[in-house]
Structure formats: structure tokens, C-alpha cells
């Protein structure tokens, strides 16, 4: 009888755990899709207001699932995207908060979501002003991009953001190589809208890179 009770308790725990994971996965998908709509389809004041609302959702995910690297990753992504929408020095607080979330994700599992925390943190380091205003560092950005590429060498986001970094570094040939990898990146299930718009960004940047290479000949 005692063995049956123990087995029943274990089965209940497994069932609850499975439900919790499914619930988390569903909430994450909703957040990812909402981010894609806000990030790509809204502009100006409407976008800022939408990001302000979306941050509450991403914060709730962290609060409910503090041990999930994915929750910290997406809270950081929403914060950094909101910072980009706001612009200026007023966005620095959001960028610093995003940095902390992405570092928390890396501490839990740097390979989560194919190294997305490393990619996003590298992007932050490449775009935020350096000392004494901010924490930006091209050296640190490149280090993080290399770490992310080891985890996900064929990924869309990592190859796009690294090529963007290389473009600003005027390494156009290498940037083109990574843009070509981005064009061939496998589709991500549930991320169709994000993939569609990201590929448009890849095409836009590729045109700029090819123009620079043409002028160098």
C-alpha cells in the first residue's frame, strides 16, 4: 500500500511538472509572437506604448519561472527592443536591465534557445555607448558573437547580428559570408513572422554590403 501511495505521488508530480512546462512553452510562444508584431509592425509612440505593456508580460514570465533561462532571455530581448525604440540616453536604464537579464540567462544555461542570450548580449554591447556613458564594447561584443556561433553556427539571428557588427567594423567580405549563412538559416517553428521580417533585414544589409564591396574593387 505504501509503495502504491509513493508511486501515485510520483506520477502526480510528473503530471504537474509536465503541465507546468507546457504552460510555460505556451506563454513563451505568445510572448515571442507579440514581440514580433510590436517590433516589426508598429512605429513611434504606438510601438513604445506596446513595448511598455509587453515588458509587464515578460516580467511576469520571469517572476513565474525564475529558473528558466528562456524567461530571462525574452525579458531581456523585450527590454533591449524597448530601449531601441525609445533611443537616446533615456534608454540606457532599459539596456542595463536587459544586460542583467541576459547575464542571468547565461548563468543558468548559455545554450538555451540556441545561444540567444549570447547573441542578444553581444548585440547590446555592440550598440550601447562605451564608458563613461554606457557599457558598450566592440571587443566584448565580438567575443559573445563567437560564443553564440559555436552553439548555433547556422542560425538566422546570430549570423544577421554578427554581420551587422562586421559591417560597422568595415569587414564587408566577412559580413557578406555571414549574411549568406543567414539567408540559408533553417525556419523556426512558431517564429514565422519574425523570420519573415528578419530575412528582409538580411536582404537590406546584404545590398549595403555588396555596394561597399563593389566600390572597393
N, C-alpha and C. Protein backbone atom coordinates (compact mmCIF):
# COMPACT_ATOMS: atom_id res chain seq x y z
N UNK A 1 0.83 -1.21 0.00
CA UNK A 1 0.00 0.00 0.00
C UNK A 1 0.86 1.26 0.00
N UNK A 2 1.94 1.25 0.83
CA UNK A 2 2.83 2.40 0.91
C UNK A 2 3.51 2.64 -0.44
N UNK A 3 3.91 1.54 -1.11
CA UNK A 3 4.57 1.65 -2.41
C UNK A 3 3.62 2.26 -3.45
N UNK A 4 2.33 1.88 -3.37
CA UNK A 4 1.34 2.41 -4.29
C UNK A 4 1.16 3.91 -4.08
N UNK A 5 1.13 4.34 -2.80
CA UNK A 5 0.98 5.77 -2.49
C UNK A 5 2.17 6.57 -3.01
N UNK A 6 3.37 6.02 -2.82
CA UNK A 6 4.59 6.70 -3.29
C UNK A 6 4.56 6.83 -4.81
N UNK A 7 4.16 5.74 -5.49
CA UNK A 7 4.08 5.76 -6.95
C UNK A 7 3.05 6.77 -7.43
N UNK A 8 1.91 6.85 -6.74
CA UNK A 8 0.86 7.80 -7.11
C UNK A 8 1.35 9.23 -6.95
N UNK A 9 2.09 9.47 -5.87
CA UNK A 9 2.63 10.80 -5.62
C UNK A 9 3.63 11.19 -6.70
N UNK A 10 4.47 10.23 -7.09
CA UNK A 10 5.47 10.50 -8.14
C UNK A 10 4.79 10.79 -9.47
N UNK A 11 3.75 10.01 -9.79
CA UNK A 11 3.02 10.24 -11.03
C UNK A 11 2.36 11.60 -11.05
N UNK A 12 1.84 12.04 -9.89
CA UNK A 12 1.21 13.36 -9.77
C UNK A 12 2.24 14.46 -10.00
N UNK A 13 3.43 14.28 -9.42
CA UNK A 13 4.49 15.27 -9.59
C UNK A 13 4.91 15.37 -11.05
N UNK A 14 5.03 14.23 -11.71
CA UNK A 14 5.39 14.22 -13.13
C UNK A 14 4.33 14.92 -13.95
N UNK A 15 3.05 14.64 -13.61
CA UNK A 15 1.93 15.25 -14.33
C UNK A 15 1.93 16.76 -14.15
N UNK A 16 2.14 17.24 -12.91
CA UNK A 16 2.17 18.68 -12.63
C UNK A 16 3.34 19.33 -13.34
N UNK A 17 4.50 18.65 -13.31
CA UNK A 17 5.69 19.18 -13.97
C UNK A 17 5.47 19.31 -15.47
N UNK A 18 4.84 18.28 -16.06
CA UNK A 18 4.55 18.31 -17.49
C UNK A 18 3.60 19.42 -17.86
N UNK A 19 2.58 19.63 -17.01
CA UNK A 19 1.62 20.72 -17.25
C UNK A 19 2.32 22.07 -17.14
N UNK A 20 3.18 22.21 -16.14
CA UNK A 20 3.90 23.47 -15.93
C UNK A 20 4.77 23.80 -17.13
N UNK A 21 5.47 22.79 -17.67
CA UNK A 21 6.33 23.00 -18.83
C UNK A 21 5.51 23.40 -20.05
N UNK A 22 4.37 22.70 -20.25
CA UNK A 22 3.51 23.02 -21.38
C UNK A 22 2.96 24.43 -21.26
N UNK A 23 2.59 24.82 -20.05
CA UNK A 23 2.07 26.15 -19.80
C UNK A 23 3.14 27.21 -20.08
N UNK A 24 4.37 26.93 -19.64
CA UNK A 24 5.48 27.85 -19.89
C UNK A 24 5.74 27.99 -21.38
N UNK A 25 5.78 26.87 -22.07
CA UNK A 25 6.04 26.89 -23.52
C UNK A 25 5.00 27.73 -24.25
N UNK A 26 3.72 27.58 -23.84
CA UNK A 26 2.65 28.32 -24.49
C UNK A 26 2.79 29.83 -24.23
N UNK A 27 3.10 30.18 -22.99
CA UNK A 27 3.28 31.60 -22.65
C UNK A 27 4.46 32.20 -23.41
N UNK A 28 5.52 31.41 -23.56
CA UNK A 28 6.70 31.89 -24.29
C UNK A 28 6.37 32.14 -25.76
N UNK A 29 5.62 31.23 -26.37
CA UNK A 29 5.23 31.39 -27.77
C UNK A 29 4.40 32.65 -27.96
N UNK A 30 3.45 32.88 -27.05
CA UNK A 30 2.60 34.09 -27.13
C UNK A 30 3.46 35.34 -27.02
N UNK A 31 4.42 35.34 -26.11
CA UNK A 31 5.31 36.48 -25.93
C UNK A 31 6.16 36.72 -27.18
N UNK A 32 6.70 35.66 -27.74
CA UNK A 32 7.53 35.77 -28.96
C UNK A 32 6.73 36.34 -30.13
N UNK A 33 5.50 35.87 -30.29
CA UNK A 33 4.67 36.36 -31.39
C UNK A 33 4.26 37.81 -31.18
N UNK A 34 3.96 38.17 -29.93
CA UNK A 34 3.60 39.56 -29.62
C UNK A 34 4.78 40.48 -29.89
N UNK A 35 5.98 40.03 -29.50
CA UNK A 35 7.19 40.83 -29.74
C UNK A 35 7.39 41.08 -31.23
N UNK A 36 7.21 40.06 -32.05
CA UNK A 36 7.40 40.20 -33.49
C UNK A 36 6.45 41.25 -34.06
N UNK A 37 5.21 41.23 -33.61
CA UNK A 37 4.23 42.21 -34.09
C UNK A 37 4.60 43.63 -33.66
N UNK A 38 4.97 43.78 -32.40
CA UNK A 38 5.32 45.11 -31.88
C UNK A 38 6.61 45.62 -32.52
N UNK A 39 7.60 44.76 -32.60
CA UNK A 39 8.91 45.17 -33.08
C UNK A 39 8.92 45.53 -34.56
N UNK A 40 8.14 44.80 -35.36
CA UNK A 40 8.21 44.97 -36.80
C UNK A 40 7.04 45.73 -37.42
N UNK A 41 5.90 45.72 -36.75
CA UNK A 41 4.70 46.27 -37.39
C UNK A 41 4.18 47.56 -36.77
N UNK A 42 4.78 47.99 -35.67
CA UNK A 42 4.38 49.26 -35.05
C UNK A 42 5.53 50.26 -35.14
N UNK A 43 5.21 51.52 -35.02
CA UNK A 43 6.21 52.58 -35.11
C UNK A 43 5.94 53.67 -34.06
N UNK A 44 6.98 54.38 -33.72
CA UNK A 44 6.91 55.61 -32.91
C UNK A 44 6.15 55.40 -31.59
N UNK A 45 5.23 56.29 -31.28
CA UNK A 45 4.56 56.26 -29.97
C UNK A 45 3.78 54.97 -29.76
N UNK A 46 3.15 54.47 -30.82
CA UNK A 46 2.38 53.23 -30.70
C UNK A 46 3.29 52.06 -30.32
N UNK A 47 4.49 52.03 -30.90
CA UNK A 47 5.44 50.97 -30.59
C UNK A 47 5.94 51.08 -29.15
N UNK A 48 6.27 52.29 -28.72
CA UNK A 48 6.75 52.48 -27.35
C UNK A 48 5.71 52.05 -26.33
N UNK A 49 4.45 52.41 -26.55
CA UNK A 49 3.37 52.02 -25.63
C UNK A 49 3.21 50.51 -25.60
N UNK A 50 3.29 49.89 -26.76
CA UNK A 50 3.14 48.44 -26.85
C UNK A 50 4.29 47.72 -26.14
N UNK A 51 5.51 48.24 -26.29
CA UNK A 51 6.64 47.64 -25.59
C UNK A 51 6.51 47.81 -24.07
N UNK A 52 6.02 48.97 -23.64
CA UNK A 52 5.82 49.20 -22.20
C UNK A 52 4.84 48.17 -21.63
N UNK A 53 3.81 47.83 -22.40
CA UNK A 53 2.85 46.81 -21.97
C UNK A 53 3.47 45.41 -22.03
N UNK A 54 4.26 45.16 -23.07
CA UNK A 54 4.85 43.83 -23.26
C UNK A 54 5.88 43.52 -22.18
N UNK A 55 6.55 44.54 -21.67
CA UNK A 55 7.53 44.33 -20.59
C UNK A 55 6.85 43.74 -19.35
N UNK A 56 5.61 44.11 -19.11
CA UNK A 56 4.88 43.55 -17.97
C UNK A 56 4.67 42.05 -18.16
N UNK A 57 4.40 41.66 -19.39
CA UNK A 57 4.22 40.22 -19.68
C UNK A 57 5.53 39.45 -19.54
N UNK A 58 6.62 40.03 -20.05
CA UNK A 58 7.91 39.33 -19.96
C UNK A 58 8.41 39.29 -18.51
N UNK A 59 8.09 40.34 -17.73
CA UNK A 59 8.46 40.34 -16.31
C UNK A 59 7.67 39.26 -15.56
N UNK A 60 6.41 39.10 -15.92
CA UNK A 60 5.58 38.06 -15.29
C UNK A 60 6.14 36.67 -15.57
N UNK A 61 6.66 36.48 -16.77
CA UNK A 61 7.26 35.19 -17.12
C UNK A 61 8.48 34.90 -16.24
N UNK A 62 9.30 35.92 -16.01
CA UNK A 62 10.47 35.76 -15.13
C UNK A 62 10.04 35.50 -13.70
N UNK A 63 9.01 36.22 -13.25
CA UNK A 63 8.51 36.05 -11.88
C UNK A 63 7.97 34.65 -11.66
N UNK A 64 7.24 34.13 -12.64
CA UNK A 64 6.63 32.80 -12.52
C UNK A 64 7.61 31.66 -12.79
N UNK A 65 8.64 31.95 -13.60
CA UNK A 65 9.61 30.90 -13.97
C UNK A 65 11.04 31.45 -13.84
N UNK A 66 11.45 31.76 -12.62
CA UNK A 66 12.77 32.39 -12.42
C UNK A 66 13.95 31.49 -12.75
N UNK A 67 13.73 30.17 -12.77
CA UNK A 67 14.82 29.23 -13.04
C UNK A 67 14.94 28.87 -14.51
N UNK A 68 14.11 29.45 -15.35
CA UNK A 68 14.15 29.18 -16.79
C UNK A 68 15.01 30.22 -17.48
N UNK A 69 16.05 29.78 -18.15
CA UNK A 69 16.90 30.72 -18.91
C UNK A 69 16.08 31.44 -19.97
N UNK A 70 15.12 30.73 -20.56
CA UNK A 70 14.31 31.30 -21.64
C UNK A 70 13.49 32.51 -21.19
N UNK A 71 13.00 32.47 -19.95
CA UNK A 71 12.21 33.61 -19.46
C UNK A 71 13.09 34.85 -19.32
N UNK A 72 14.31 34.67 -18.83
CA UNK A 72 15.25 35.80 -18.70
C UNK A 72 15.68 36.31 -20.07
N UNK A 73 15.88 35.38 -21.01
CA UNK A 73 16.26 35.78 -22.37
C UNK A 73 15.20 36.70 -22.97
N UNK A 74 13.94 36.29 -22.87
CA UNK A 74 12.92 37.07 -23.53
C UNK A 74 12.56 38.36 -22.80
N UNK A 75 12.74 38.36 -21.49
CA UNK A 75 12.57 39.63 -20.77
C UNK A 75 13.67 40.60 -21.22
N UNK A 76 14.88 40.08 -21.36
CA UNK A 76 16.00 40.91 -21.83
C UNK A 76 15.79 41.40 -23.25
N UNK A 77 15.26 40.54 -24.12
CA UNK A 77 15.01 40.93 -25.50
C UNK A 77 13.96 42.04 -25.57
N UNK A 78 12.89 41.90 -24.80
CA UNK A 78 11.84 42.92 -24.80
C UNK A 78 12.39 44.24 -24.26
N UNK A 79 13.17 44.18 -23.19
CA UNK A 79 13.76 45.39 -22.62
C UNK A 79 14.70 46.07 -23.61
N UNK A 80 15.55 45.30 -24.26
CA UNK A 80 16.51 45.89 -25.21
C UNK A 80 15.79 46.43 -26.44
N UNK A 81 14.74 45.77 -26.87
CA UNK A 81 13.96 46.26 -28.02
C UNK A 81 13.25 47.57 -27.66
N UNK A 82 12.73 47.63 -26.45
CA UNK A 82 12.10 48.87 -25.98
C UNK A 82 13.13 50.00 -25.90
N UNK A 83 14.33 49.66 -25.44
CA UNK A 83 15.41 50.66 -25.40
C UNK A 83 15.71 51.19 -26.80
N UNK A 84 15.74 50.29 -27.77
CA UNK A 84 15.99 50.71 -29.15
C UNK A 84 14.89 51.60 -29.69
N UNK A 85 13.64 51.32 -29.29
CA UNK A 85 12.51 52.14 -29.73
C UNK A 85 12.54 53.53 -29.10
N UNK A 86 12.94 53.59 -27.83
CA UNK A 86 13.00 54.87 -27.13
C UNK A 86 14.17 55.72 -27.62
N UNK A 87 15.34 55.08 -27.72
CA UNK A 87 16.54 55.77 -28.17
C UNK A 87 17.04 56.79 -27.15
N UNK A 88 18.23 57.32 -27.41
CA UNK A 88 18.80 58.35 -26.55
C UNK A 88 19.25 57.82 -25.20
N UNK A 89 19.71 58.74 -24.36
CA UNK A 89 20.22 58.36 -23.04
C UNK A 89 19.13 57.81 -22.14
N UNK A 90 17.89 58.18 -22.42
CA UNK A 90 16.77 57.69 -21.61
C UNK A 90 16.59 56.19 -21.72
N UNK A 91 17.16 55.60 -22.76
CA UNK A 91 17.02 54.15 -22.97
C UNK A 91 18.11 53.36 -22.25
N UNK A 92 19.09 54.05 -21.69
CA UNK A 92 20.24 53.35 -21.10
C UNK A 92 19.84 52.47 -19.92
N UNK A 93 18.88 52.94 -19.12
CA UNK A 93 18.42 52.13 -17.99
C UNK A 93 17.81 50.82 -18.44
N UNK A 94 17.05 50.87 -19.52
CA UNK A 94 16.47 49.65 -20.08
C UNK A 94 17.56 48.72 -20.61
N UNK A 95 18.57 49.30 -21.25
CA UNK A 95 19.67 48.49 -21.79
C UNK A 95 20.43 47.80 -20.65
N UNK A 96 20.64 48.51 -19.56
CA UNK A 96 21.33 47.91 -18.40
C UNK A 96 20.50 46.80 -17.78
N UNK A 97 19.18 47.02 -17.72
CA UNK A 97 18.29 45.98 -17.18
C UNK A 97 18.30 44.75 -18.08
N UNK A 98 18.31 44.98 -19.39
CA UNK A 98 18.37 43.87 -20.34
C UNK A 98 19.67 43.09 -20.18
N UNK A 99 20.76 43.80 -20.01
CA UNK A 99 22.07 43.18 -19.81
C UNK A 99 22.03 42.24 -18.61
N UNK A 100 21.41 42.69 -17.51
CA UNK A 100 21.33 41.87 -16.30
C UNK A 100 20.51 40.61 -16.54
N UNK A 101 19.40 40.74 -17.28
CA UNK A 101 18.56 39.57 -17.56
C UNK A 101 19.29 38.57 -18.44
N UNK A 102 19.99 39.06 -19.45
CA UNK A 102 20.71 38.17 -20.36
C UNK A 102 21.87 37.47 -19.65
N UNK A 103 22.53 38.20 -18.76
CA UNK A 103 23.60 37.58 -17.96
C UNK A 103 23.04 36.51 -17.04
N UNK A 104 21.84 36.75 -16.49
CA UNK A 104 21.19 35.75 -15.64
C UNK A 104 20.86 34.49 -16.45
N UNK A 105 20.41 34.69 -17.68
CA UNK A 105 20.10 33.55 -18.55
C UNK A 105 21.35 32.74 -18.86
N UNK A 106 22.44 33.42 -19.14
CA UNK A 106 23.71 32.74 -19.46
C UNK A 106 24.20 31.94 -18.26
N UNK A 107 24.01 32.49 -17.06
CA UNK A 107 24.43 31.80 -15.83
C UNK A 107 23.63 30.51 -15.64
N UNK A 108 22.37 30.50 -16.08
CA UNK A 108 21.52 29.31 -15.96
C UNK A 108 21.86 28.30 -17.05
N UNK A 109 21.88 28.77 -18.31
CA UNK A 109 22.16 27.87 -19.44
C UNK A 109 22.46 28.72 -20.68
N UNK A 110 23.73 28.86 -20.99
CA UNK A 110 24.10 29.73 -22.11
C UNK A 110 23.66 29.18 -23.46
N UNK A 111 23.36 27.88 -23.51
CA UNK A 111 22.94 27.27 -24.78
C UNK A 111 21.42 27.33 -25.00
N UNK A 112 20.67 27.84 -24.04
CA UNK A 112 19.22 27.91 -24.16
C UNK A 112 18.82 28.71 -25.40
N UNK A 113 17.77 28.23 -26.08
CA UNK A 113 17.28 28.87 -27.31
C UNK A 113 18.43 29.11 -28.29
N UNK A 114 19.28 28.10 -28.41
CA UNK A 114 20.40 28.14 -29.36
C UNK A 114 21.35 29.32 -29.13
N UNK A 115 21.59 29.60 -27.86
CA UNK A 115 22.56 30.66 -27.53
C UNK A 115 22.02 32.07 -27.72
N UNK A 116 20.71 32.23 -27.66
CA UNK A 116 20.10 33.55 -27.91
C UNK A 116 20.56 34.61 -26.92
N UNK A 117 20.82 34.21 -25.68
CA UNK A 117 21.27 35.19 -24.69
C UNK A 117 22.62 35.77 -25.09
N UNK A 118 23.51 34.93 -25.59
CA UNK A 118 24.83 35.39 -26.04
C UNK A 118 24.69 36.34 -27.24
N UNK A 119 23.82 35.97 -28.18
CA UNK A 119 23.59 36.81 -29.36
C UNK A 119 23.03 38.17 -28.96
N UNK A 120 22.02 38.16 -28.11
CA UNK A 120 21.37 39.41 -27.69
C UNK A 120 22.30 40.28 -26.86
N UNK A 121 23.08 39.64 -25.99
CA UNK A 121 24.02 40.42 -25.17
C UNK A 121 25.13 41.00 -26.03
N UNK A 122 25.61 40.22 -26.99
CA UNK A 122 26.61 40.73 -27.92
C UNK A 122 26.10 41.94 -28.69
N UNK A 123 24.83 41.87 -29.11
CA UNK A 123 24.22 42.98 -29.83
C UNK A 123 24.13 44.22 -28.95
N UNK A 124 23.78 44.02 -27.69
CA UNK A 124 23.74 45.15 -26.75
C UNK A 124 25.11 45.80 -26.61
N UNK A 125 26.13 44.98 -26.41
CA UNK A 125 27.49 45.52 -26.25
C UNK A 125 27.93 46.27 -27.51
N UNK A 126 27.44 45.84 -28.67
CA UNK A 126 27.86 46.49 -29.92
C UNK A 126 27.13 47.81 -30.17
N UNK A 127 25.97 48.00 -29.54
CA UNK A 127 25.14 49.17 -29.85
C UNK A 127 25.09 50.23 -28.74
N UNK A 128 25.33 49.80 -27.51
CA UNK A 128 25.29 50.74 -26.39
C UNK A 128 26.59 51.56 -26.37
N UNK A 129 26.52 52.84 -26.06
CA UNK A 129 27.75 53.65 -25.97
C UNK A 129 28.73 53.07 -24.95
N UNK A 130 29.99 53.30 -25.18
CA UNK A 130 31.01 52.82 -24.25
C UNK A 130 31.17 53.73 -23.04
N UNK A 131 32.14 53.39 -22.19
CA UNK A 131 32.43 54.18 -21.00
C UNK A 131 32.83 55.60 -21.39
N UNK A 132 32.46 56.64 -20.67
CA UNK A 132 31.80 56.64 -19.35
C UNK A 132 30.28 56.68 -19.40
N UNK A 133 29.69 56.70 -20.60
CA UNK A 133 28.24 56.81 -20.69
C UNK A 133 27.57 55.46 -20.44
N UNK A 134 28.05 54.44 -21.13
CA UNK A 134 27.44 53.12 -21.02
C UNK A 134 28.46 52.01 -20.88
N UNK A 135 28.02 50.79 -21.18
CA UNK A 135 28.88 49.62 -21.02
C UNK A 135 29.34 49.04 -22.35
N UNK A 136 29.05 49.72 -23.44
CA UNK A 136 29.36 49.19 -24.77
C UNK A 136 30.83 48.84 -24.95
N UNK A 137 31.07 47.78 -25.74
CA UNK A 137 32.44 47.33 -26.00
C UNK A 137 32.44 46.44 -27.23
N UNK A 138 33.12 46.87 -28.29
CA UNK A 138 33.20 46.05 -29.50
C UNK A 138 33.94 44.74 -29.25
N UNK A 139 34.95 44.80 -28.40
CA UNK A 139 35.73 43.60 -28.08
C UNK A 139 34.86 42.56 -27.38
N UNK A 140 34.08 43.00 -26.41
CA UNK A 140 33.18 42.09 -25.69
C UNK A 140 32.09 41.58 -26.60
N UNK A 141 31.58 42.46 -27.48
CA UNK A 141 30.54 42.05 -28.43
C UNK A 141 31.03 40.92 -29.32
N UNK A 142 32.22 41.08 -29.86
CA UNK A 142 32.75 40.05 -30.77
C UNK A 142 32.97 38.73 -30.03
N UNK A 143 33.42 38.80 -28.82
CA UNK A 143 33.63 37.60 -28.00
C UNK A 143 32.31 36.84 -27.83
N UNK A 144 31.25 37.58 -27.52
CA UNK A 144 29.94 36.97 -27.31
C UNK A 144 29.37 36.39 -28.61
N UNK A 145 29.56 37.12 -29.71
CA UNK A 145 29.11 36.61 -31.00
C UNK A 145 29.81 35.29 -31.35
N UNK A 146 31.11 35.22 -31.08
CA UNK A 146 31.86 33.99 -31.36
C UNK A 146 31.34 32.83 -30.51
N UNK A 147 31.02 33.10 -29.25
CA UNK A 147 30.46 32.06 -28.38
C UNK A 147 29.12 31.56 -28.93
N UNK A 148 28.30 32.50 -29.37
CA UNK A 148 26.98 32.14 -29.90
C UNK A 148 27.11 31.32 -31.19
N UNK A 149 28.06 31.69 -32.03
CA UNK A 149 28.27 30.97 -33.29
C UNK A 149 28.72 29.53 -33.06
N UNK A 150 29.45 29.29 -31.99
CA UNK A 150 29.86 27.92 -31.66
C UNK A 150 28.65 27.06 -31.32
N UNK A 151 27.65 27.68 -30.70
CA UNK A 151 26.44 26.96 -30.31
C UNK A 151 25.50 26.79 -31.50
N UNK A 152 25.37 27.83 -32.32
CA UNK A 152 24.39 27.83 -33.40
C UNK A 152 24.98 28.47 -34.67
N UNK A 153 25.90 27.77 -35.33
CA UNK A 153 26.61 28.36 -36.47
C UNK A 153 25.75 28.69 -37.67
N UNK A 154 24.58 28.06 -37.80
CA UNK A 154 23.73 28.30 -38.97
C UNK A 154 22.50 29.15 -38.65
N UNK A 155 22.43 29.70 -37.44
CA UNK A 155 21.24 30.43 -37.01
C UNK A 155 21.03 31.76 -37.74
N UNK A 156 19.78 32.14 -37.87
CA UNK A 156 19.42 33.39 -38.55
C UNK A 156 19.86 34.61 -37.76
N UNK A 157 19.46 34.70 -36.51
CA UNK A 157 19.74 35.91 -35.72
C UNK A 157 21.23 36.14 -35.50
N UNK A 158 21.94 35.09 -35.11
CA UNK A 158 23.36 35.26 -34.81
C UNK A 158 24.12 35.70 -36.06
N UNK A 159 23.82 35.10 -37.20
CA UNK A 159 24.54 35.49 -38.43
C UNK A 159 24.15 36.88 -38.90
N UNK A 160 22.89 37.26 -38.70
CA UNK A 160 22.49 38.62 -39.07
C UNK A 160 23.17 39.66 -38.17
N UNK A 161 23.07 39.47 -36.86
CA UNK A 161 23.62 40.48 -35.95
C UNK A 161 25.15 40.55 -36.01
N UNK A 162 25.78 39.40 -36.23
CA UNK A 162 27.23 39.43 -36.35
C UNK A 162 27.63 40.13 -37.65
N UNK A 163 26.89 39.91 -38.72
CA UNK A 163 27.20 40.58 -39.98
C UNK A 163 26.96 42.09 -39.87
N UNK A 164 25.95 42.48 -39.11
CA UNK A 164 25.70 43.90 -38.86
C UNK A 164 26.88 44.53 -38.12
N UNK A 165 27.38 43.79 -37.13
CA UNK A 165 28.56 44.24 -36.39
C UNK A 165 29.77 44.37 -37.33
N UNK A 166 29.97 43.37 -38.17
CA UNK A 166 31.11 43.38 -39.10
C UNK A 166 30.98 44.51 -40.13
N UNK A 167 29.76 44.82 -40.53
CA UNK A 167 29.53 45.93 -41.46
C UNK A 167 30.03 47.24 -40.85
N UNK A 168 29.69 47.46 -39.60
CA UNK A 168 30.13 48.69 -38.93
C UNK A 168 31.64 48.69 -38.66
N UNK A 169 32.21 47.49 -38.61
CA UNK A 169 33.66 47.36 -38.47
C UNK A 169 34.36 47.45 -39.83
N UNK A 170 33.58 47.58 -40.89
CA UNK A 170 34.06 47.69 -42.28
C UNK A 170 34.73 46.41 -42.79
N UNK A 171 34.35 45.29 -42.17
CA UNK A 171 34.83 43.98 -42.65
C UNK A 171 33.74 43.42 -43.56
N UNK A 172 33.61 43.99 -44.75
CA UNK A 172 32.47 43.72 -45.62
C UNK A 172 32.47 42.28 -46.17
N UNK A 173 33.64 41.76 -46.49
CA UNK A 173 33.71 40.41 -47.03
C UNK A 173 33.21 39.37 -46.03
N UNK A 174 33.65 39.51 -44.80
CA UNK A 174 33.23 38.58 -43.76
C UNK A 174 31.74 38.78 -43.45
N UNK A 175 31.30 40.03 -43.48
CA UNK A 175 29.87 40.32 -43.25
C UNK A 175 29.01 39.62 -44.29
N UNK A 176 29.45 39.66 -45.55
CA UNK A 176 28.71 39.00 -46.62
C UNK A 176 28.63 37.49 -46.41
N UNK A 177 29.72 36.89 -45.95
CA UNK A 177 29.73 35.46 -45.68
C UNK A 177 28.65 35.08 -44.65
N UNK A 178 28.54 35.89 -43.60
CA UNK A 178 27.56 35.59 -42.55
C UNK A 178 26.14 35.92 -43.00
N UNK A 179 25.98 36.90 -43.86
CA UNK A 179 24.66 37.18 -44.42
C UNK A 179 24.19 36.03 -45.31
N UNK A 180 25.10 35.44 -46.03
CA UNK A 180 24.76 34.28 -46.87
C UNK A 180 24.34 33.10 -46.01
N UNK A 181 24.98 32.94 -44.86
CA UNK A 181 24.56 31.89 -43.92
C UNK A 181 23.17 32.19 -43.36
N UNK A 182 22.92 33.48 -43.08
CA UNK A 182 21.61 33.88 -42.56
C UNK A 182 20.50 33.59 -43.57
N UNK A 183 20.80 33.81 -44.85
CA UNK A 183 19.81 33.54 -45.89
C UNK A 183 19.42 32.06 -45.93
N UNK A 184 20.37 31.19 -45.59
CA UNK A 184 20.13 29.75 -45.64
C UNK A 184 19.66 29.17 -44.30
N UNK A 185 19.47 30.03 -43.31
CA UNK A 185 19.13 29.56 -41.96
C UNK A 185 17.82 28.79 -41.95
N UNK A 186 17.76 27.71 -41.19
CA UNK A 186 16.51 26.93 -41.12
C UNK A 186 15.38 27.73 -40.50
N UNK A 187 14.17 27.49 -40.98
CA UNK A 187 12.99 28.17 -40.44
C UNK A 187 12.77 27.73 -39.00
N UNK A 188 12.22 28.65 -38.20
CA UNK A 188 11.95 28.36 -36.79
C UNK A 188 10.45 28.20 -36.59
N UNK A 189 10.05 27.04 -36.09
CA UNK A 189 8.64 26.76 -35.87
C UNK A 189 8.05 27.75 -34.87
N UNK A 190 6.94 28.36 -35.24
CA UNK A 190 6.28 29.32 -34.37
C UNK A 190 6.84 30.73 -34.47
N UNK A 191 7.93 30.89 -35.23
CA UNK A 191 8.58 32.20 -35.37
C UNK A 191 8.50 32.70 -36.82
N UNK A 192 7.45 32.30 -37.51
CA UNK A 192 7.34 32.61 -38.94
C UNK A 192 7.38 34.11 -39.22
N UNK A 193 6.66 34.90 -38.42
CA UNK A 193 6.63 36.34 -38.66
C UNK A 193 8.00 36.96 -38.40
N UNK A 194 8.65 36.56 -37.32
CA UNK A 194 9.99 37.08 -37.00
C UNK A 194 10.98 36.70 -38.09
N UNK A 195 10.89 35.46 -38.58
CA UNK A 195 11.78 35.01 -39.65
C UNK A 195 11.58 35.84 -40.92
N UNK A 196 10.30 36.09 -41.26
CA UNK A 196 9.98 36.84 -42.47
C UNK A 196 10.61 38.24 -42.43
N UNK A 197 10.41 38.95 -41.33
CA UNK A 197 10.93 40.31 -41.23
C UNK A 197 12.46 40.34 -41.07
N UNK A 198 13.00 39.35 -40.36
CA UNK A 198 14.46 39.29 -40.21
C UNK A 198 15.12 39.06 -41.57
N UNK A 199 14.52 38.21 -42.38
CA UNK A 199 15.09 37.97 -43.71
C UNK A 199 15.04 39.23 -44.57
N UNK A 200 14.06 40.06 -44.37
CA UNK A 200 14.02 41.35 -45.06
C UNK A 200 15.20 42.23 -44.62
N UNK A 201 15.51 42.18 -43.33
CA UNK A 201 16.65 42.94 -42.81
C UNK A 201 17.95 42.39 -43.38
N UNK A 202 18.01 41.08 -43.52
CA UNK A 202 19.19 40.45 -44.13
C UNK A 202 19.37 40.96 -45.55
N UNK A 203 18.30 41.00 -46.32
CA UNK A 203 18.37 41.47 -47.71
C UNK A 203 18.82 42.92 -47.79
N UNK A 204 18.29 43.75 -46.89
CA UNK A 204 18.65 45.18 -46.88
C UNK A 204 20.13 45.37 -46.58
N UNK A 205 20.60 44.64 -45.56
CA UNK A 205 22.02 44.76 -45.19
C UNK A 205 22.92 44.17 -46.28
N UNK A 206 22.47 43.09 -46.89
CA UNK A 206 23.27 42.46 -47.95
C UNK A 206 23.47 43.43 -49.11
N UNK A 207 22.44 44.18 -49.45
CA UNK A 207 22.55 45.17 -50.53
C UNK A 207 23.59 46.24 -50.18
N UNK A 208 23.61 46.67 -48.93
CA UNK A 208 24.58 47.66 -48.48
C UNK A 208 26.01 47.10 -48.53
N UNK A 209 26.15 45.87 -48.08
CA UNK A 209 27.48 45.22 -48.06
C UNK A 209 27.99 45.03 -49.49
N UNK A 210 27.13 44.56 -50.37
CA UNK A 210 27.55 44.33 -51.76
C UNK A 210 27.93 45.64 -52.44
N UNK A 211 27.25 46.72 -52.09
CA UNK A 211 27.58 48.03 -52.64
C UNK A 211 28.96 48.48 -52.18
N UNK A 212 29.24 48.25 -50.90
CA UNK A 212 30.57 48.60 -50.36
C UNK A 212 31.67 47.78 -51.03
N UNK A 213 31.43 46.49 -51.22
CA UNK A 213 32.42 45.62 -51.86
C UNK A 213 32.64 46.01 -53.31
N UNK A 214 31.59 46.42 -53.98
CA UNK A 214 31.68 46.84 -55.37
C UNK A 214 32.58 48.09 -55.50
N UNK A 215 32.43 49.03 -54.57
CA UNK A 215 33.21 50.25 -54.59
C UNK A 215 34.69 50.01 -54.27
N UNK A 216 34.94 48.90 -53.55
CA UNK A 216 36.33 48.58 -53.15
C UNK A 216 37.11 47.95 -54.30
N UNK A 217 36.41 47.46 -55.32
CA UNK A 217 37.10 46.76 -56.42
C UNK A 217 37.84 47.75 -57.32
